[in-house]
Amino acid sequence: MLKKLAISTMLGLFISSATADMNNKGNTMNSLPTHEQVKDALKKIVTQKNGGFSLNMWATVVNRDGEVTSVSFSGDNRGDQWPGSRVISAQKANTANAFSLPTLALSTANLFTATQNGGSLFGLQHSNPVDTSVAYGGANDTIGTASDFMVGRKIGGVNVFGGGLALYSKDGTLLGALGVSGDSSCADHNIAWKLRSALKLDFVPAGISPEGNDNIVNDITNSVSESGWGHPICTEESANIAKDFSNTHPISKK
């Protein structure tokens, strides 16, 4: 009797352990990256050619509810990046999350033309304002760390130039978004694209770019975007880097 009870208990523990392990794997698959994961990947990417000024960057991640989950920077200290770009990176993350869906991704770069005077989304950039109490609260020495005051709070804000991308897990779940800032808007987009790829959260379902994803669309001629979703070209180098993403950093497939 005792032997049967022991075997039954061991079997129960094994099943519980296996179930917990499966649940943990599932949670990992559908979880946002940690502060260290974002920071480590960002540090590597800013050393690459991104079509900008090779400056240090800020990166912010938000969840699907718009709550900030991480804020990080690539430099040695918080003063190595433009201080104003911290909040801009958060705005971009909020924007990409707020205006993307499980079936359609819109990057902040995709919103540039539509939000200009006379555009179909003119005024969007003035909606959902930044919560300044969140943006500028907390102790200075926590800025850009795992304890950044924005973490766990909703930042708000809408930004309509390159650098914000929605995050999709392998099973197609829209988890939230990331935003990067600190260089030209085109370099910001390129860095964000590479960062999302490195984090393996780029299972984009569809988008308005010619490739059917949320890549930057450089189709503005004489101030007119052919598609209506265009973004200005900052440099030929940045445009060529983005254009070649289908080869160098292609969107992941399920």
C-alpha atoms as a PDB file:
ATOM      1  CA  MET A   1       0.000   0.000   0.000  1.00  0.00           C
ATOM      2  CA  LEU A   2       2.777   2.392   0.984  1.00  0.00           C
ATOM      3  CA  LYS A   3       4.706   1.476  -2.164  1.00  0.00           C
ATOM      4  CA  LYS A   4       1.668   2.240  -4.360  1.00  0.00           C
ATOM      5  CA  LEU A   5       1.155   5.537  -2.548  1.00  0.00           C
ATOM      6  CA  ALA A   6       4.791   6.514  -3.075  1.00  0.00           C
ATOM      7  CA  ILE A   7       4.613   5.682  -6.775  1.00  0.00           C
ATOM      8  CA  SER A   8       1.363   7.622  -7.090  1.00  0.00           C
ATOM      9  CA  THR A   9       2.887  10.615  -5.315  1.00  0.00           C
ATOM     10  CA  MET A  10       5.998  10.545  -7.502  1.00  0.00           C
ATOM     11  CA  LEU A  11       3.857  10.293 -10.650  1.00  0.00           C
ATOM     12  CA  GLY A  12       1.778  13.241  -9.499  1.00  0.00           C
ATOM     13  CA  LEU A  13       4.883  15.330  -8.861  1.00  0.00           C
ATOM     14  CA  PHE A  14       6.279  14.398 -12.273  1.00  0.00           C
ATOM     15  CA  ILE A  15       3.079  15.419 -14.055  1.00  0.00           C
ATOM     16  CA  SER A  16       2.898  18.664 -12.095  1.00  0.00           C
ATOM     17  CA  SER A  17       6.529  19.420 -12.929  1.00  0.00           C
ATOM     18  CA  ALA A  18       6.026  18.637 -16.621  1.00  0.00           C
ATOM     19  CA  THR A  19       2.893  20.790 -16.742  1.00  0.00           C
ATOM     20  CA  ALA A  20       4.676  23.673 -15.041  1.00  0.00           C
ATOM     21  CA  ASP A  21       7.575  23.318 -17.472  1.00  0.00           C
ATOM     22  CA  MET A  22       5.200  23.418 -20.447  1.00  0.00           C
ATOM     23  CA  ASN A  23       3.443  26.463 -19.011  1.00  0.00           C
ATOM     24  CA  ASN A  24       6.774  28.203 -18.468  1.00  0.00           C
ATOM     25  CA  LYS A  25       7.789  27.510 -22.053  1.00  0.00           C
ATOM     26  CA  GLY A  26       4.484  28.891 -23.240  1.00  0.00           C
ATOM     27  CA  ASN A  27       4.918  31.976 -21.097  1.00  0.00           C
ATOM     28  CA  THR A  28       8.446  32.445 -22.459  1.00  0.00           C
ATOM     29  CA  MET A  29       7.166  32.221 -26.009  1.00  0.00           C
ATOM     30  CA  ASN A  30       4.554  34.880 -25.275  1.00  0.00           C
ATOM     31  CA  SER A  31       6.594  37.164 -23.059  1.00  0.00           C
ATOM     32  CA  LEU A  32       8.315  40.463 -23.664  1.00  0.00           C
ATOM     33  CA  PRO A  33      12.117  40.701 -23.418  1.00  0.00           C
ATOM     34  CA  THR A  34      13.823  41.637 -20.178  1.00  0.00           C
ATOM     35  CA  HIS A  35      15.675  44.883 -19.601  1.00  0.00           C
ATOM     36  CA  GLU A  36      19.022  43.121 -19.997  1.00  0.00           C
ATOM     37  CA  GLN A  37      17.991  41.339 -23.199  1.00  0.00           C
ATOM     38  CA  VAL A  38      16.989  44.630 -24.810  1.00  0.00           C
ATOM     39  CA  LYS A  39      20.073  46.472 -23.565  1.00  0.00           C
ATOM     40  CA  ASP A  40      22.519  43.781 -24.682  1.00  0.00           C
ATOM     41  CA  ALA A  41      21.022  43.571 -28.178  1.00  0.00           C
ATOM     42  CA  LEU A  42      20.834  47.368 -28.504  1.00  0.00           C
ATOM     43  CA  LYS A  43      24.513  47.778 -27.588  1.00  0.00           C
ATOM     44  CA  LYS A  44      25.527  45.429 -30.400  1.00  0.00           C
ATOM     45  CA  ILE A  45      23.243  46.969 -33.014  1.00  0.00           C
ATOM     46  CA  VAL A  46      24.369  50.581 -32.518  1.00  0.00           C
ATOM     47  CA  THR A  47      27.905  49.536 -33.510  1.00  0.00           C
ATOM     48  CA  GLN A  48      26.657  48.484 -36.946  1.00  0.00           C
ATOM     49  CA  LYS A  49      26.021  50.634 -40.015  1.00  0.00           C
ATOM     50  CA  ASN A  50      22.487  51.977 -39.656  1.00  0.00           C
ATOM     51  CA  GLY A  51      22.538  54.955 -41.992  1.00  0.00           C
ATOM     52  CA  GLY A  52      22.756  57.632 -39.320  1.00  0.00           C
ATOM     53  CA  PHE A  53      25.345  59.337 -37.139  1.00  0.00           C
ATOM     54  CA  SER A  54      26.373  56.238 -35.140  1.00  0.00           C
ATOM     55  CA  LEU A  55      24.980  57.728 -31.932  1.00  0.00           C
ATOM     56  CA  ASN A  56      23.953  55.936 -28.755  1.00  0.00           C
ATOM     57  CA  MET A  57      20.281  55.089 -28.405  1.00  0.00           C
ATOM     58  CA  TRP A  58      17.361  54.725 -26.021  1.00  0.00           C
ATOM     59  CA  ALA A  59      14.966  51.778 -26.268  1.00  0.00           C
ATOM     60  CA  THR A  60      11.583  51.398 -24.580  1.00  0.00           C
ATOM     61  CA  VAL A  61       9.230  48.415 -24.619  1.00  0.00           C
ATOM     62  CA  VAL A  62       5.522  48.522 -23.760  1.00  0.00           C
ATOM     63  CA  ASN A  63       3.013  45.704 -23.356  1.00  0.00           C
ATOM     64  CA  ARG A  64      -0.324  45.471 -25.136  1.00  0.00           C
ATOM     65  CA  ASP A  65      -1.965  47.639 -22.469  1.00  0.00           C
ATOM     66  CA  GLY A  66       0.558  50.395 -23.092  1.00  0.00           C
ATOM     67  CA  GLU A  67       2.441  49.842 -19.839  1.00  0.00           C
ATOM     68  CA  VAL A  68       6.200  50.317 -20.038  1.00  0.00           C
ATOM     69  CA  THR A  69       8.078  47.085 -19.307  1.00  0.00           C
ATOM     70  CA  SER A  70      11.659  48.241 -19.905  1.00  0.00           C
ATOM     71  CA  VAL A  71      13.725  51.342 -20.614  1.00  0.00           C
ATOM     72  CA  SER A  72      17.378  51.017 -21.570  1.00  0.00           C
ATOM     73  CA  PHE A  73      20.218  52.848 -23.274  1.00  0.00           C
ATOM     74  CA  SER A  74      23.284  51.748 -25.222  1.00  0.00           C
ATOM     75  CA  GLY A  75      25.892  54.113 -23.770  1.00  0.00           C
ATOM     76  CA  ASP A  76      27.908  53.808 -20.585  1.00  0.00           C
ATOM     77  CA  ASN A  77      25.660  56.225 -18.705  1.00  0.00           C
ATOM     78  CA  ARG A  78      22.377  58.075 -19.196  1.00  0.00           C
ATOM     79  CA  GLY A  79      24.141  61.176 -20.521  1.00  0.00           C
ATOM     80  CA  ASP A  80      25.654  59.362 -23.507  1.00  0.00           C
ATOM     81  CA  GLN A  81      22.360  59.621 -25.437  1.00  0.00           C
ATOM     82  CA  TRP A  82      20.175  62.634 -26.172  1.00  0.00           C
ATOM     83  CA  PRO A  83      18.224  63.042 -22.904  1.00  0.00           C
ATOM     84  CA  GLY A  84      15.076  64.033 -24.805  1.00  0.00           C
ATOM     85  CA  SER A  85      15.115  60.777 -26.747  1.00  0.00           C
ATOM     86  CA  ARG A  86      14.201  58.696 -23.693  1.00  0.00           C
ATOM     87  CA  VAL A  87      10.604  59.921 -23.748  1.00  0.00           C
ATOM     88  CA  ILE A  88      10.520  59.913 -27.558  1.00  0.00           C
ATOM     89  CA  SER A  89      11.455  56.222 -27.566  1.00  0.00           C
ATOM     90  CA  ALA A  90       8.555  55.595 -25.188  1.00  0.00           C
ATOM     91  CA  GLN A  91       6.199  57.602 -27.415  1.00  0.00           C
ATOM     92  CA  LYS A  92       7.215  55.485 -30.385  1.00  0.00           C
ATOM     93  CA  ALA A  93       6.615  52.257 -28.511  1.00  0.00           C
ATOM     94  CA  ASN A  94       3.209  53.494 -27.387  1.00  0.00           C
ATOM     95  CA  THR A  95       2.293  54.564 -30.934  1.00  0.00           C
ATOM     96  CA  ALA A  96       3.275  51.308 -32.628  1.00  0.00           C
ATOM     97  CA  ASN A  97       1.304  49.366 -30.036  1.00  0.00           C
ATOM     98  CA  ALA A  98      -1.718  51.677 -30.086  1.00  0.00           C
ATOM     99  CA  PHE A  99      -2.113  51.603 -33.864  1.00  0.00           C
ATOM    100  CA  SER A 100      -1.224  48.003 -34.665  1.00  0.00           C
ATOM    101  CA  LEU A 101      -3.560  45.014 -34.601  1.00  0.00           C
ATOM    102  CA  PRO A 102      -3.167  41.233 -34.438  1.00  0.00           C
ATOM    103  CA  THR A 103      -3.839  41.278 -38.190  1.00  0.00           C
ATOM    104  CA  LEU A 104      -2.012  44.458 -39.293  1.00  0.00           C
ATOM    105  CA  ALA A 105       1.186  46.162 -38.133  1.00  0.00           C
ATOM    106  CA  LEU A 106       1.839  49.874 -38.543  1.00  0.00           C
ATOM    107  CA  SER A 107       5.254  51.263 -37.725  1.00  0.00           C
ATOM    108  CA  THR A 108       5.652  54.860 -36.629  1.00  0.00           C
ATOM    109  CA  ALA A 109       7.439  55.462 -39.943  1.00  0.00           C
ATOM    110  CA  ASN A 110       4.281  54.381 -41.791  1.00  0.00           C
ATOM    111  CA  LEU A 111       2.313  57.200 -40.135  1.00  0.00           C
ATOM    112  CA  PHE A 112       4.403  60.157 -41.316  1.00  0.00           C
ATOM    113  CA  THR A 113       2.573  61.157 -44.522  1.00  0.00           C
ATOM    114  CA  ALA A 114      -0.938  60.396 -43.302  1.00  0.00           C
ATOM    115  CA  THR A 115      -0.517  62.712 -40.313  1.00  0.00           C
ATOM    116  CA  GLN A 116       0.698  65.734 -42.269  1.00  0.00           C
ATOM    117  CA  ASN A 117      -1.616  68.679 -42.960  1.00  0.00           C
ATOM    118  CA  GLY A 118      -4.278  67.421 -45.377  1.00  0.00           C
ATOM    119  CA  GLY A 119      -3.459  63.780 -44.698  1.00  0.00           C
ATOM    120  CA  SER A 120      -6.046  61.164 -43.840  1.00  0.00           C
ATOM    121  CA  LEU A 121      -4.825  60.940 -40.227  1.00  0.00           C
ATOM    122  CA  PHE A 122      -3.954  64.593 -39.652  1.00  0.00           C
ATOM    123  CA  GLY A 123      -4.209  65.373 -35.954  1.00  0.00           C
ATOM    124  CA  LEU A 124      -3.410  61.850 -34.809  1.00  0.00           C
ATOM    125  CA  GLN A 125      -0.077  63.081 -33.455  1.00  0.00           C
ATOM    126  CA  HIS A 126      -1.953  65.324 -31.013  1.00  0.00           C
ATOM    127  CA  SER A 127      -4.069  62.522 -29.568  1.00  0.00           C
ATOM    128  CA  ASN A 128      -3.088  60.320 -26.614  1.00  0.00           C
ATOM    129  CA  PRO A 129      -0.703  62.846 -25.011  1.00  0.00           C
ATOM    130  CA  VAL A 130       2.314  61.811 -22.939  1.00  0.00           C
ATOM    131  CA  ASP A 131       1.679  61.552 -19.212  1.00  0.00           C
ATOM    132  CA  THR A 132       4.358  63.971 -18.033  1.00  0.00           C
ATOM    133  CA  SER A 133       4.107  62.777 -14.429  1.00  0.00           C
ATOM    134  CA  VAL A 134       5.228  59.354 -15.658  1.00  0.00           C
ATOM    135  CA  ALA A 135       7.763  60.659 -18.167  1.00  0.00           C
ATOM    136  CA  TYR A 136       9.637  62.877 -15.708  1.00  0.00           C
ATOM    137  CA  GLY A 137       9.000  61.250 -12.347  1.00  0.00           C
ATOM    138  CA  GLY A 138      11.389  59.275 -10.197  1.00  0.00           C
ATOM    139  CA  ALA A 139      15.015  59.543  -9.178  1.00  0.00           C
ATOM    140  CA  ASN A 140      17.599  60.493 -11.780  1.00  0.00           C
ATOM    141  CA  ASP A 141      19.888  57.585 -10.957  1.00  0.00           C
ATOM    142  CA  THR A 142      17.196  55.065 -11.955  1.00  0.00           C
ATOM    143  CA  ILE A 143      16.794  56.443 -15.486  1.00  0.00           C
ATOM    144  CA  GLY A 144      17.402  53.753 -18.077  1.00  0.00           C
ATOM    145  CA  THR A 145      17.745  51.018 -15.477  1.00  0.00           C
ATOM    146  CA  ALA A 146      15.417  48.138 -14.655  1.00  0.00           C
ATOM    147  CA  SER A 147      13.911  50.483 -12.033  1.00  0.00           C
ATOM    148  CA  ASP A 148      13.211  53.372 -14.419  1.00  0.00           C
ATOM    149  CA  PHE A 149      10.170  55.291 -13.130  1.00  0.00           C
ATOM    150  CA  MET A 150       8.254  54.661 -16.388  1.00  0.00           C
ATOM    151  CA  VAL A 151       8.345  50.885 -15.865  1.00  0.00           C
ATOM    152  CA  GLY A 152       4.938  49.538 -14.844  1.00  0.00           C
ATOM    153  CA  ARG A 153       3.198  52.766 -15.832  1.00  0.00           C
ATOM    154  CA  LYS A 154       1.367  53.962 -18.961  1.00  0.00           C
ATOM    155  CA  ILE A 155       3.337  56.619 -20.812  1.00  0.00           C
ATOM    156  CA  GLY A 156       1.018  57.578 -23.692  1.00  0.00           C
ATOM    157  CA  GLY A 157       2.211  59.772 -26.540  1.00  0.00           C
ATOM    158  CA  VAL A 158       2.072  59.571 -30.331  1.00  0.00           C
ATOM    159  CA  ASN A 159       5.134  59.885 -32.549  1.00  0.00           C
ATOM    160  CA  VAL A 160       4.959  59.782 -36.340  1.00  0.00           C
ATOM    161  CA  PHE A 161       8.484  59.211 -37.611  1.00  0.00           C
ATOM    162  CA  GLY A 162      10.716  56.145 -37.741  1.00  0.00           C
ATOM    163  CA  GLY A 163      11.667  54.066 -34.712  1.00  0.00           C
ATOM    164  CA  GLY A 164       8.525  52.341 -33.395  1.00  0.00           C
ATOM    165  CA  LEU A 165       7.536  48.741 -34.214  1.00  0.00           C
ATOM    166  CA  ALA A 166       4.920  46.321 -32.907  1.00  0.00           C
ATOM    167  CA  LEU A 167       6.116  43.036 -31.376  1.00  0.00           C
ATOM    168  CA  TYR A 168       4.610  39.718 -32.477  1.00  0.00           C
ATOM    169  CA  SER A 169       5.432  36.312 -31.016  1.00  0.00           C
ATOM    170  CA  LYS A 170       5.822  33.137 -33.047  1.00  0.00           C
ATOM    171  CA  ASP A 171       2.187  32.133 -32.502  1.00  0.00           C
ATOM    172  CA  GLY A 172       1.020  35.498 -33.842  1.00  0.00           C
ATOM    173  CA  THR A 173       0.226  37.157 -30.524  1.00  0.00           C
ATOM    174  CA  LEU A 174       0.635  40.929 -30.534  1.00  0.00           C
ATOM    175  CA  LEU A 175       2.575  41.442 -27.297  1.00  0.00           C
ATOM    176  CA  GLY A 176       3.175  45.190 -27.409  1.00  0.00           C
ATOM    177  CA  ALA A 177       5.821  47.304 -29.120  1.00  0.00           C
ATOM    178  CA  LEU A 178       9.292  48.785 -28.936  1.00  0.00           C
ATOM    179  CA  GLY A 179      10.534  52.261 -29.669  1.00  0.00           C
ATOM    180  CA  VAL A 180      14.077  53.525 -30.187  1.00  0.00           C
ATOM    181  CA  SER A 181      15.376  57.072 -30.433  1.00  0.00           C
ATOM    182  CA  GLY A 182      18.680  58.912 -30.481  1.00  0.00           C
ATOM    183  CA  ASP A 183      19.737  59.259 -34.118  1.00  0.00           C
ATOM    184  CA  SER A 184      18.093  60.320 -37.385  1.00  0.00           C
ATOM    185  CA  SER A 185      14.515  59.070 -37.720  1.00  0.00           C
ATOM    186  CA  CYS A 186      15.569  56.705 -40.525  1.00  0.00           C
ATOM    187  CA  ALA A 187      18.452  55.249 -38.522  1.00  0.00           C
ATOM    188  CA  ASP A 188      16.039  54.888 -35.596  1.00  0.00           C
ATOM    189  CA  HIS A 189      13.779  52.756 -37.796  1.00  0.00           C
ATOM    190  CA  ASN A 190      16.669  50.624 -38.977  1.00  0.00           C
ATOM    191  CA  ILE A 191      17.917  50.054 -35.442  1.00  0.00           C
ATOM    192  CA  ALA A 192      14.418  49.208 -34.220  1.00  0.00           C
ATOM    193  CA  TRP A 193      14.024  46.718 -37.076  1.00  0.00           C
ATOM    194  CA  LYS A 194      17.302  44.990 -36.224  1.00  0.00           C
ATOM    195  CA  LEU A 195      16.475  45.029 -32.505  1.00  0.00           C
ATOM    196  CA  ARG A 196      13.083  43.392 -33.049  1.00  0.00           C
ATOM    197  CA  SER A 197      14.740  40.785 -35.241  1.00  0.00           C
ATOM    198  CA  ALA A 198      17.377  40.060 -32.580  1.00  0.00           C
ATOM    199  CA  LEU A 199      14.648  39.634 -29.970  1.00  0.00           C
ATOM    200  CA  LYS A 200      12.802  37.214 -32.307  1.00  0.00           C
ATOM    201  CA  LEU A 201       9.511  39.076 -32.008  1.00  0.00           C
ATOM    202  CA  ASP A 202       9.082  39.971 -35.686  1.00  0.00           C
ATOM    203  CA  PHE A 203       6.365  37.531 -36.781  1.00  0.00           C
ATOM    204  CA  VAL A 204       4.498  40.385 -38.477  1.00  0.00           C
ATOM    205  CA  PRO A 205       1.137  39.262 -39.956  1.00  0.00           C
ATOM    206  CA  ALA A 206       0.736  42.011 -42.574  1.00  0.00           C
ATOM    207  CA  GLY A 207       1.537  45.639 -43.268  1.00  0.00           C
ATOM    208  CA  ILE A 208       1.199  48.434 -45.800  1.00  0.00           C
ATOM    209  CA  SER A 209       4.726  48.320 -47.253  1.00  0.00           C
ATOM    210  CA  PRO A 210       5.292  46.816 -50.720  1.00  0.00           C
ATOM    211  CA  GLU A 211       6.653  43.707 -48.979  1.00  0.00           C
ATOM    212  CA  GLY A 212       3.452  43.380 -46.956  1.00  0.00           C
ATOM    213  CA  ASN A 213       5.009  44.268 -43.607  1.00  0.00           C
ATOM    214  CA  ASP A 214       5.656  47.408 -41.515  1.00  0.00           C
ATOM    215  CA  ASN A 215       8.961  48.442 -43.083  1.00  0.00           C
ATOM    216  CA  ILE A 216       9.562  52.122 -43.826  1.00  0.00           C
ATOM    217  CA  VAL A 217       8.127  53.212 -47.192  1.00  0.00           C
ATOM    218  CA  ASN A 218      10.435  55.627 -49.038  1.00  0.00           C
ATOM    219  CA  ASP A 219       8.151  56.730 -51.870  1.00  0.00           C
ATOM    220  CA  ILE A 220       7.970  60.503 -51.368  1.00  0.00           C
ATOM    221  CA  THR A 221       8.684  62.528 -54.514  1.00  0.00           C
ATOM    222  CA  ASN A 222       8.221  66.305 -54.595  1.00  0.00           C
ATOM    223  CA  SER A 223       6.642  66.103 -51.121  1.00  0.00           C
ATOM    224  CA  VAL A 224       4.023  63.593 -52.290  1.00  0.00           C
ATOM    225  CA  SER A 225       3.909  59.961 -51.174  1.00  0.00           C
ATOM    226  CA  GLU A 226       2.678  57.624 -53.891  1.00  0.00           C
ATOM    227  CA  SER A 227       1.203  55.173 -51.370  1.00  0.00           C
ATOM    228  CA  GLY A 228       0.059  57.718 -48.808  1.00  0.00           C
ATOM    229  CA  TRP A 229       2.202  56.001 -46.151  1.00  0.00           C
ATOM    230  CA  GLY A 230       5.625  57.342 -47.086  1.00  0.00           C
ATOM    231  CA  HIS A 231       8.482  58.612 -44.933  1.00  0.00           C
ATOM    232  CA  PRO A 232      11.212  61.077 -45.989  1.00  0.00           C
ATOM    233  CA  ILE A 233      14.601  59.663 -46.958  1.00  0.00           C
ATOM    234  CA  CYS A 234      17.261  60.835 -44.510  1.00  0.00           C
ATOM    235  CA  THR A 235      20.245  59.470 -46.459  1.00  0.00           C
ATOM    236  CA  GLU A 236      20.639  57.099 -49.357  1.00  0.00           C
ATOM    237  CA  GLU A 237      22.538  54.766 -47.043  1.00  0.00           C
ATOM    238  CA  SER A 238      19.680  54.533 -44.558  1.00  0.00           C
ATOM    239  CA  ALA A 239      17.168  53.967 -47.349  1.00  0.00           C
ATOM    240  CA  ASN A 240      19.278  51.218 -48.900  1.00  0.00           C
ATOM    241  CA  ILE A 241      19.715  49.477 -45.546  1.00  0.00           C
ATOM    242  CA  ALA A 242      15.949  49.426 -45.025  1.00  0.00           C
ATOM    243  CA  LYS A 243      15.307  48.332 -48.590  1.00  0.00           C
ATOM    244  CA  ASP A 244      17.615  45.339 -48.129  1.00  0.00           C
ATOM    245  CA  PHE A 245      15.964  44.099 -44.929  1.00  0.00           C
ATOM    246  CA  SER A 246      14.115  41.449 -46.913  1.00  0.00           C
ATOM    247  CA  ASN A 247      17.559  39.880 -47.433  1.00  0.00           C
ATOM    248  CA  THR A 248      19.512  40.844 -44.309  1.00  0.00           C
ATOM    249  CA  HIS A 249      16.786  40.842 -41.636  1.00  0.00           C
ATOM    250  CA  PRO A 250      13.671  39.246 -43.171  1.00  0.00           C
ATOM    251  CA  ILE A 251      10.435  39.079 -41.222  1.00  0.00           C
ATOM    252  CA  SER A 252      10.121  35.750 -39.391  1.00  0.00           C
ATOM    253  CA  LYS A 253       7.569  33.253 -40.621  1.00  0.00           C
ATOM    254  CA  LYS A 254       5.398  31.043 -38.456  1.00  0.00           C
END
